[in-house]
């Protein structure tokens, strides 16, 4: 794994030891950033179920100002912190060792908003719909923001949840599909 593009392009990232996480491959990462926009001018990213932190670090490298990383696994948090040191992004990041729902509730209470939100839960823990609803109700996504949901190819997420509308669904393999959400331009 490595940083694909931006100011830290080519920096190698460590993977989380063991089999508890499955990192997003460089090929999938590059493709999804080509879909959401290759570079950013500021904004915050939220990386839920961050694993190694690769998606949030890629967002920082491509121009996001800050990133919040969330994972409850100690090995994952340690790996995120090591990767942040390797990329010199420690001061641009907050790392939470908690479950994603608890952190979303905290961020909701703090009225945090994000330009990019990455959701990549273990495929057996499909929590996307509940999290999308919470993000919408809490107004956590800025108007021009995007939510990237990686999920099993056997799961179909709704086209619309509240004000959030699925703008694209990209299948990468027999196992991986990514759905992209943003706020709908017209209320229905």
C-alpha atoms as a PDB file:
ATOM      1  CA  UNK A   1       0.000   0.000   0.000  1.00  0.00           C
ATOM      2  CA  UNK A   2       1.101   3.504  -0.746  1.00  0.00           C
ATOM      3  CA  UNK A   3      -0.140   7.064  -1.129  1.00  0.00           C
ATOM      4  CA  UNK A   4      -1.282   7.269  -4.755  1.00  0.00           C
ATOM      5  CA  UNK A   5      -1.163  11.009  -5.447  1.00  0.00           C
ATOM      6  CA  UNK A   6      -0.667  14.477  -3.996  1.00  0.00           C
ATOM      7  CA  UNK A   7       2.055  15.868  -1.774  1.00  0.00           C
ATOM      8  CA  UNK A   8       2.940  12.493  -0.198  1.00  0.00           C
ATOM      9  CA  UNK A   9       2.710  10.494  -3.440  1.00  0.00           C
ATOM     10  CA  UNK A  10       4.637   7.239  -3.272  1.00  0.00           C
ATOM     11  CA  UNK A  11       4.947   7.085   0.526  1.00  0.00           C
ATOM     12  CA  UNK A  12       4.566   3.476   1.646  1.00  0.00           C
ATOM     13  CA  UNK A  13       1.865   2.761   4.211  1.00  0.00           C
ATOM     14  CA  UNK A  14       1.833  -0.128   6.662  1.00  0.00           C
ATOM     15  CA  UNK A  15      -1.059  -2.563   6.698  1.00  0.00           C
ATOM     16  CA  UNK A  16      -2.752  -3.610   9.911  1.00  0.00           C
ATOM     17  CA  UNK A  17      -1.202  -6.898  11.086  1.00  0.00           C
ATOM     18  CA  UNK A  18      -3.477  -9.935  10.999  1.00  0.00           C
ATOM     19  CA  UNK A  19      -6.660 -10.650   9.100  1.00  0.00           C
ATOM     20  CA  UNK A  20      -9.141  -8.475  11.018  1.00  0.00           C
ATOM     21  CA  UNK A  21      -9.028  -5.747   8.356  1.00  0.00           C
ATOM     22  CA  UNK A  22      -8.918  -5.794   4.564  1.00  0.00           C
ATOM     23  CA  UNK A  23      -7.226  -2.724   3.132  1.00  0.00           C
ATOM     24  CA  UNK A  24      -8.629  -0.945   0.112  1.00  0.00           C
ATOM     25  CA  UNK A  25      -6.268  -1.808  -2.729  1.00  0.00           C
ATOM     26  CA  UNK A  26      -4.277   0.915  -4.460  1.00  0.00           C
ATOM     27  CA  UNK A  27      -6.211   0.256  -7.689  1.00  0.00           C
ATOM     28  CA  UNK A  28      -9.611   0.701  -5.991  1.00  0.00           C
ATOM     29  CA  UNK A  29      -8.346   3.730  -4.052  1.00  0.00           C
ATOM     30  CA  UNK A  30      -7.122   5.416  -7.237  1.00  0.00           C
ATOM     31  CA  UNK A  31     -10.403   4.691  -9.008  1.00  0.00           C
ATOM     32  CA  UNK A  32     -12.589   6.030  -6.222  1.00  0.00           C
ATOM     33  CA  UNK A  33     -10.558   9.250  -5.952  1.00  0.00           C
ATOM     34  CA  UNK A  34     -10.867   9.712  -9.715  1.00  0.00           C
ATOM     35  CA  UNK A  35     -14.654   9.500  -9.247  1.00  0.00           C
ATOM     36  CA  UNK A  36     -14.963  11.912  -6.303  1.00  0.00           C
ATOM     37  CA  UNK A  37     -12.356  14.348  -7.580  1.00  0.00           C
ATOM     38  CA  UNK A  38      -8.644  13.872  -7.753  1.00  0.00           C
ATOM     39  CA  UNK A  39      -7.665  16.899  -5.621  1.00  0.00           C
ATOM     40  CA  UNK A  40      -9.264  19.057  -2.949  1.00  0.00           C
ATOM     41  CA  UNK A  41      -8.841  22.586  -1.716  1.00  0.00           C
ATOM     42  CA  UNK A  42      -9.273  22.235   2.010  1.00  0.00           C
ATOM     43  CA  UNK A  43     -12.051  20.614   3.958  1.00  0.00           C
ATOM     44  CA  UNK A  44     -12.175  17.763   6.452  1.00  0.00           C
ATOM     45  CA  UNK A  45     -12.295  14.031   5.889  1.00  0.00           C
ATOM     46  CA  UNK A  46     -13.806  11.372   8.161  1.00  0.00           C
ATOM     47  CA  UNK A  47     -12.453   7.827   7.822  1.00  0.00           C
ATOM     48  CA  UNK A  48     -14.764   5.406   9.684  1.00  0.00           C
ATOM     49  CA  UNK A  49     -13.431   1.874  10.198  1.00  0.00           C
ATOM     50  CA  UNK A  50     -10.127   3.380   9.109  1.00  0.00           C
ATOM     51  CA  UNK A  51      -7.981   0.240   9.313  1.00  0.00           C
ATOM     52  CA  UNK A  52      -4.551   1.490   8.202  1.00  0.00           C
ATOM     53  CA  UNK A  53      -5.896   5.006   7.568  1.00  0.00           C
ATOM     54  CA  UNK A  54      -5.114   4.793   3.862  1.00  0.00           C
ATOM     55  CA  UNK A  55      -8.237   6.601   2.609  1.00  0.00           C
ATOM     56  CA  UNK A  56      -8.002   9.503   5.068  1.00  0.00           C
ATOM     57  CA  UNK A  57      -4.262   9.861   4.450  1.00  0.00           C
ATOM     58  CA  UNK A  58      -4.890   9.881   0.693  1.00  0.00           C
ATOM     59  CA  UNK A  59      -7.441  12.686   1.212  1.00  0.00           C
ATOM     60  CA  UNK A  60      -4.858  14.681   3.203  1.00  0.00           C
ATOM     61  CA  UNK A  61      -2.233  14.145   0.514  1.00  0.00           C
ATOM     62  CA  UNK A  62      -4.686  15.374  -2.116  1.00  0.00           C
ATOM     63  CA  UNK A  63      -5.460  18.613  -0.289  1.00  0.00           C
ATOM     64  CA  UNK A  64      -7.853  18.108   2.637  1.00  0.00           C
ATOM     65  CA  UNK A  65      -6.904  20.204   5.677  1.00  0.00           C
ATOM     66  CA  UNK A  66      -7.753  17.683   8.399  1.00  0.00           C
ATOM     67  CA  UNK A  67      -8.879  14.104   8.857  1.00  0.00           C
ATOM     68  CA  UNK A  68     -10.571  12.151  11.623  1.00  0.00           C
ATOM     69  CA  UNK A  69      -9.759   8.440  11.804  1.00  0.00           C
ATOM     70  CA  UNK A  70     -11.962   5.962  13.661  1.00  0.00           C
ATOM     71  CA  UNK A  71     -11.246   2.335  14.459  1.00  0.00           C
ATOM     72  CA  UNK A  72     -11.886   0.318  17.599  1.00  0.00           C
ATOM     73  CA  UNK A  73      -9.110  -2.224  16.995  1.00  0.00           C
ATOM     74  CA  UNK A  74      -5.891  -1.404  18.924  1.00  0.00           C
ATOM     75  CA  UNK A  75      -3.651  -2.742  16.124  1.00  0.00           C
ATOM     76  CA  UNK A  76      -5.469  -0.557  13.591  1.00  0.00           C
ATOM     77  CA  UNK A  77      -5.102   2.578  15.730  1.00  0.00           C
ATOM     78  CA  UNK A  78      -1.397   1.861  16.190  1.00  0.00           C
ATOM     79  CA  UNK A  79      -1.007   1.389  12.411  1.00  0.00           C
ATOM     80  CA  UNK A  80      -2.879   4.630  11.664  1.00  0.00           C
ATOM     81  CA  UNK A  81      -0.585   6.515  14.037  1.00  0.00           C
ATOM     82  CA  UNK A  82       2.519   4.964  12.416  1.00  0.00           C
ATOM     83  CA  UNK A  83       1.249   5.863   8.943  1.00  0.00           C
ATOM     84  CA  UNK A  84       0.480   9.423  10.065  1.00  0.00           C
ATOM     85  CA  UNK A  85       4.059   9.742  11.348  1.00  0.00           C
ATOM     86  CA  UNK A  86       5.449   8.329   8.083  1.00  0.00           C
ATOM     87  CA  UNK A  87       3.472  10.916   6.087  1.00  0.00           C
ATOM     88  CA  UNK A  88       4.049  13.744   8.616  1.00  0.00           C
ATOM     89  CA  UNK A  89       0.295  14.286   9.046  1.00  0.00           C
ATOM     90  CA  UNK A  90       0.103  13.822  12.828  1.00  0.00           C
ATOM     91  CA  UNK A  91      -0.930  17.458  13.386  1.00  0.00           C
ATOM     92  CA  UNK A  92      -3.660  17.269  10.741  1.00  0.00           C
ATOM     93  CA  UNK A  93      -5.331  14.230  12.263  1.00  0.00           C
ATOM     94  CA  UNK A  94      -7.454  13.098  15.180  1.00  0.00           C
ATOM     95  CA  UNK A  95      -7.534   9.371  15.852  1.00  0.00           C
ATOM     96  CA  UNK A  96     -10.339   7.763  17.878  1.00  0.00           C
ATOM     97  CA  UNK A  97     -10.103   4.249  19.293  1.00  0.00           C
ATOM     98  CA  UNK A  98     -13.829   3.721  19.643  1.00  0.00           C
ATOM     99  CA  UNK A  99     -16.694   2.200  17.738  1.00  0.00           C
ATOM    100  CA  UNK A 100     -17.934   4.238  14.792  1.00  0.00           C
ATOM    101  CA  UNK A 101     -21.427   4.895  16.170  1.00  0.00           C
ATOM    102  CA  UNK A 102     -20.074   6.437  19.391  1.00  0.00           C
ATOM    103  CA  UNK A 103     -17.732   8.718  17.460  1.00  0.00           C
ATOM    104  CA  UNK A 104     -20.517   9.750  15.060  1.00  0.00           C
ATOM    105  CA  UNK A 105     -22.641  10.706  18.085  1.00  0.00           C
ATOM    106  CA  UNK A 106     -19.732  12.761  19.519  1.00  0.00           C
ATOM    107  CA  UNK A 107     -19.131  14.495  16.190  1.00  0.00           C
ATOM    108  CA  UNK A 108     -22.858  15.183  15.916  1.00  0.00           C
ATOM    109  CA  UNK A 109     -22.845  16.843  19.354  1.00  0.00           C
ATOM    110  CA  UNK A 110     -19.856  18.970  18.276  1.00  0.00           C
ATOM    111  CA  UNK A 111     -21.688  19.931  15.047  1.00  0.00           C
ATOM    112  CA  UNK A 112     -18.738  18.732  12.941  1.00  0.00           C
ATOM    113  CA  UNK A 113     -19.054  18.780   9.160  1.00  0.00           C
ATOM    114  CA  UNK A 114     -16.997  16.970   6.552  1.00  0.00           C
ATOM    115  CA  UNK A 115     -16.230  17.253   2.855  1.00  0.00           C
ATOM    116  CA  UNK A 116     -15.433  13.526   2.553  1.00  0.00           C
ATOM    117  CA  UNK A 117     -16.757  10.658   4.622  1.00  0.00           C
ATOM    118  CA  UNK A 118     -15.408   7.151   4.067  1.00  0.00           C
ATOM    119  CA  UNK A 119     -17.390   4.209   5.467  1.00  0.00           C
ATOM    120  CA  UNK A 120     -15.789   0.810   5.113  1.00  0.00           C
ATOM    121  CA  UNK A 121     -17.172  -1.489   7.811  1.00  0.00           C
ATOM    122  CA  UNK A 122     -16.429  -5.202   7.838  1.00  0.00           C
ATOM    123  CA  UNK A 123     -18.745  -6.725   5.275  1.00  0.00           C
ATOM    124  CA  UNK A 124     -20.566  -8.733   7.920  1.00  0.00           C
ATOM    125  CA  UNK A 125     -21.426  -5.522   9.802  1.00  0.00           C
ATOM    126  CA  UNK A 126     -23.512  -3.645   7.265  1.00  0.00           C
ATOM    127  CA  UNK A 127     -24.288  -0.452   9.166  1.00  0.00           C
ATOM    128  CA  UNK A 128     -24.316   1.870   6.185  1.00  0.00           C
ATOM    129  CA  UNK A 129     -28.019   2.738   6.196  1.00  0.00           C
ATOM    130  CA  UNK A 130     -28.106   3.649   9.892  1.00  0.00           C
ATOM    131  CA  UNK A 131     -24.911   5.709   9.571  1.00  0.00           C
ATOM    132  CA  UNK A 132     -26.111   7.461   6.418  1.00  0.00           C
ATOM    133  CA  UNK A 133     -29.340   8.376   8.215  1.00  0.00           C
ATOM    134  CA  UNK A 134     -27.405   9.691  11.231  1.00  0.00           C
ATOM    135  CA  UNK A 135     -25.038  11.714   9.010  1.00  0.00           C
ATOM    136  CA  UNK A 136     -28.008  13.221   7.168  1.00  0.00           C
ATOM    137  CA  UNK A 137     -29.971  14.042  10.335  1.00  0.00           C
ATOM    138  CA  UNK A 138     -26.900  15.602  11.949  1.00  0.00           C
ATOM    139  CA  UNK A 139     -26.047  17.614   8.804  1.00  0.00           C
ATOM    140  CA  UNK A 140     -22.464  16.270   8.961  1.00  0.00           C
ATOM    141  CA  UNK A 141     -21.772  16.492   5.236  1.00  0.00           C
ATOM    142  CA  UNK A 142     -21.096  19.897   3.691  1.00  0.00           C
ATOM    143  CA  UNK A 143     -23.248  20.790   0.667  1.00  0.00           C
ATOM    144  CA  UNK A 144     -20.539  19.843  -1.851  1.00  0.00           C
ATOM    145  CA  UNK A 145     -19.391  16.808   0.125  1.00  0.00           C
ATOM    146  CA  UNK A 146     -19.344  13.126  -0.798  1.00  0.00           C
ATOM    147  CA  UNK A 147     -19.835   9.943   1.209  1.00  0.00           C
ATOM    148  CA  UNK A 148     -17.987   6.857  -0.040  1.00  0.00           C
ATOM    149  CA  UNK A 149     -19.465   3.550   1.177  1.00  0.00           C
ATOM    150  CA  UNK A 150     -17.526   0.357   0.531  1.00  0.00           C
ATOM    151  CA  UNK A 151     -19.719  -2.705   0.940  1.00  0.00           C
ATOM    152  CA  UNK A 152     -20.218  -6.263  -0.147  1.00  0.00           C
ATOM    153  CA  UNK A 153     -21.390  -6.737  -3.726  1.00  0.00           C
ATOM    154  CA  UNK A 154     -24.300  -8.783  -2.396  1.00  0.00           C
ATOM    155  CA  UNK A 155     -25.648  -5.668  -0.597  1.00  0.00           C
ATOM    156  CA  UNK A 156     -27.753  -3.048  -2.344  1.00  0.00           C
ATOM    157  CA  UNK A 157     -27.937   0.287  -0.569  1.00  0.00           C
ATOM    158  CA  UNK A 158     -30.975   2.542  -1.090  1.00  0.00           C
ATOM    159  CA  UNK A 159     -30.901   5.167  -3.808  1.00  0.00           C
ATOM    160  CA  UNK A 160     -31.962   7.781  -1.268  1.00  0.00           C
ATOM    161  CA  UNK A 161     -31.753   8.157   2.497  1.00  0.00           C
ATOM    162  CA  UNK A 162     -33.183  11.435   3.746  1.00  0.00           C
ATOM    163  CA  UNK A 163     -31.534  14.187   1.695  1.00  0.00           C
ATOM    164  CA  UNK A 164     -28.675  11.893   0.648  1.00  0.00           C
ATOM    165  CA  UNK A 165     -28.823  10.500  -2.860  1.00  0.00           C
ATOM    166  CA  UNK A 166     -26.708   7.734  -4.342  1.00  0.00           C
ATOM    167  CA  UNK A 167     -24.984   9.326  -7.326  1.00  0.00           C
ATOM    168  CA  UNK A 168     -22.950   6.332  -8.434  1.00  0.00           C
ATOM    169  CA  UNK A 169     -22.391   2.690  -7.644  1.00  0.00           C
ATOM    170  CA  UNK A 170     -19.189   1.046  -8.840  1.00  0.00           C
ATOM    171  CA  UNK A 171     -18.573  -2.687  -8.619  1.00  0.00           C
ATOM    172  CA  UNK A 172     -14.888  -3.602  -8.311  1.00  0.00           C
ATOM    173  CA  UNK A 173     -15.064  -7.369  -7.910  1.00  0.00           C
ATOM    174  CA  UNK A 174     -17.335 -10.219  -6.949  1.00  0.00           C
ATOM    175  CA  UNK A 175     -16.909  -9.010  -3.368  1.00  0.00           C
ATOM    176  CA  UNK A 176     -16.471  -5.208  -3.383  1.00  0.00           C
ATOM    177  CA  UNK A 177     -18.888  -2.477  -4.454  1.00  0.00           C
ATOM    178  CA  UNK A 178     -18.589   1.215  -3.646  1.00  0.00           C
ATOM    179  CA  UNK A 179     -21.619   3.511  -3.463  1.00  0.00           C
ATOM    180  CA  UNK A 180     -21.212   7.293  -3.576  1.00  0.00           C
ATOM    181  CA  UNK A 181     -23.689   9.647  -1.899  1.00  0.00           C
ATOM    182  CA  UNK A 182     -24.162  13.398  -1.852  1.00  0.00           C
ATOM    183  CA  UNK A 183     -26.999  15.727  -0.948  1.00  0.00           C
ATOM    184  CA  UNK A 184     -29.730  15.720  -3.566  1.00  0.00           C
ATOM    185  CA  UNK A 185     -29.956  19.001  -5.457  1.00  0.00           C
ATOM    186  CA  UNK A 186     -33.770  19.058  -5.329  1.00  0.00           C
ATOM    187  CA  UNK A 187     -35.850  17.994  -2.358  1.00  0.00           C
ATOM    188  CA  UNK A 188     -38.508  15.414  -3.189  1.00  0.00           C
END
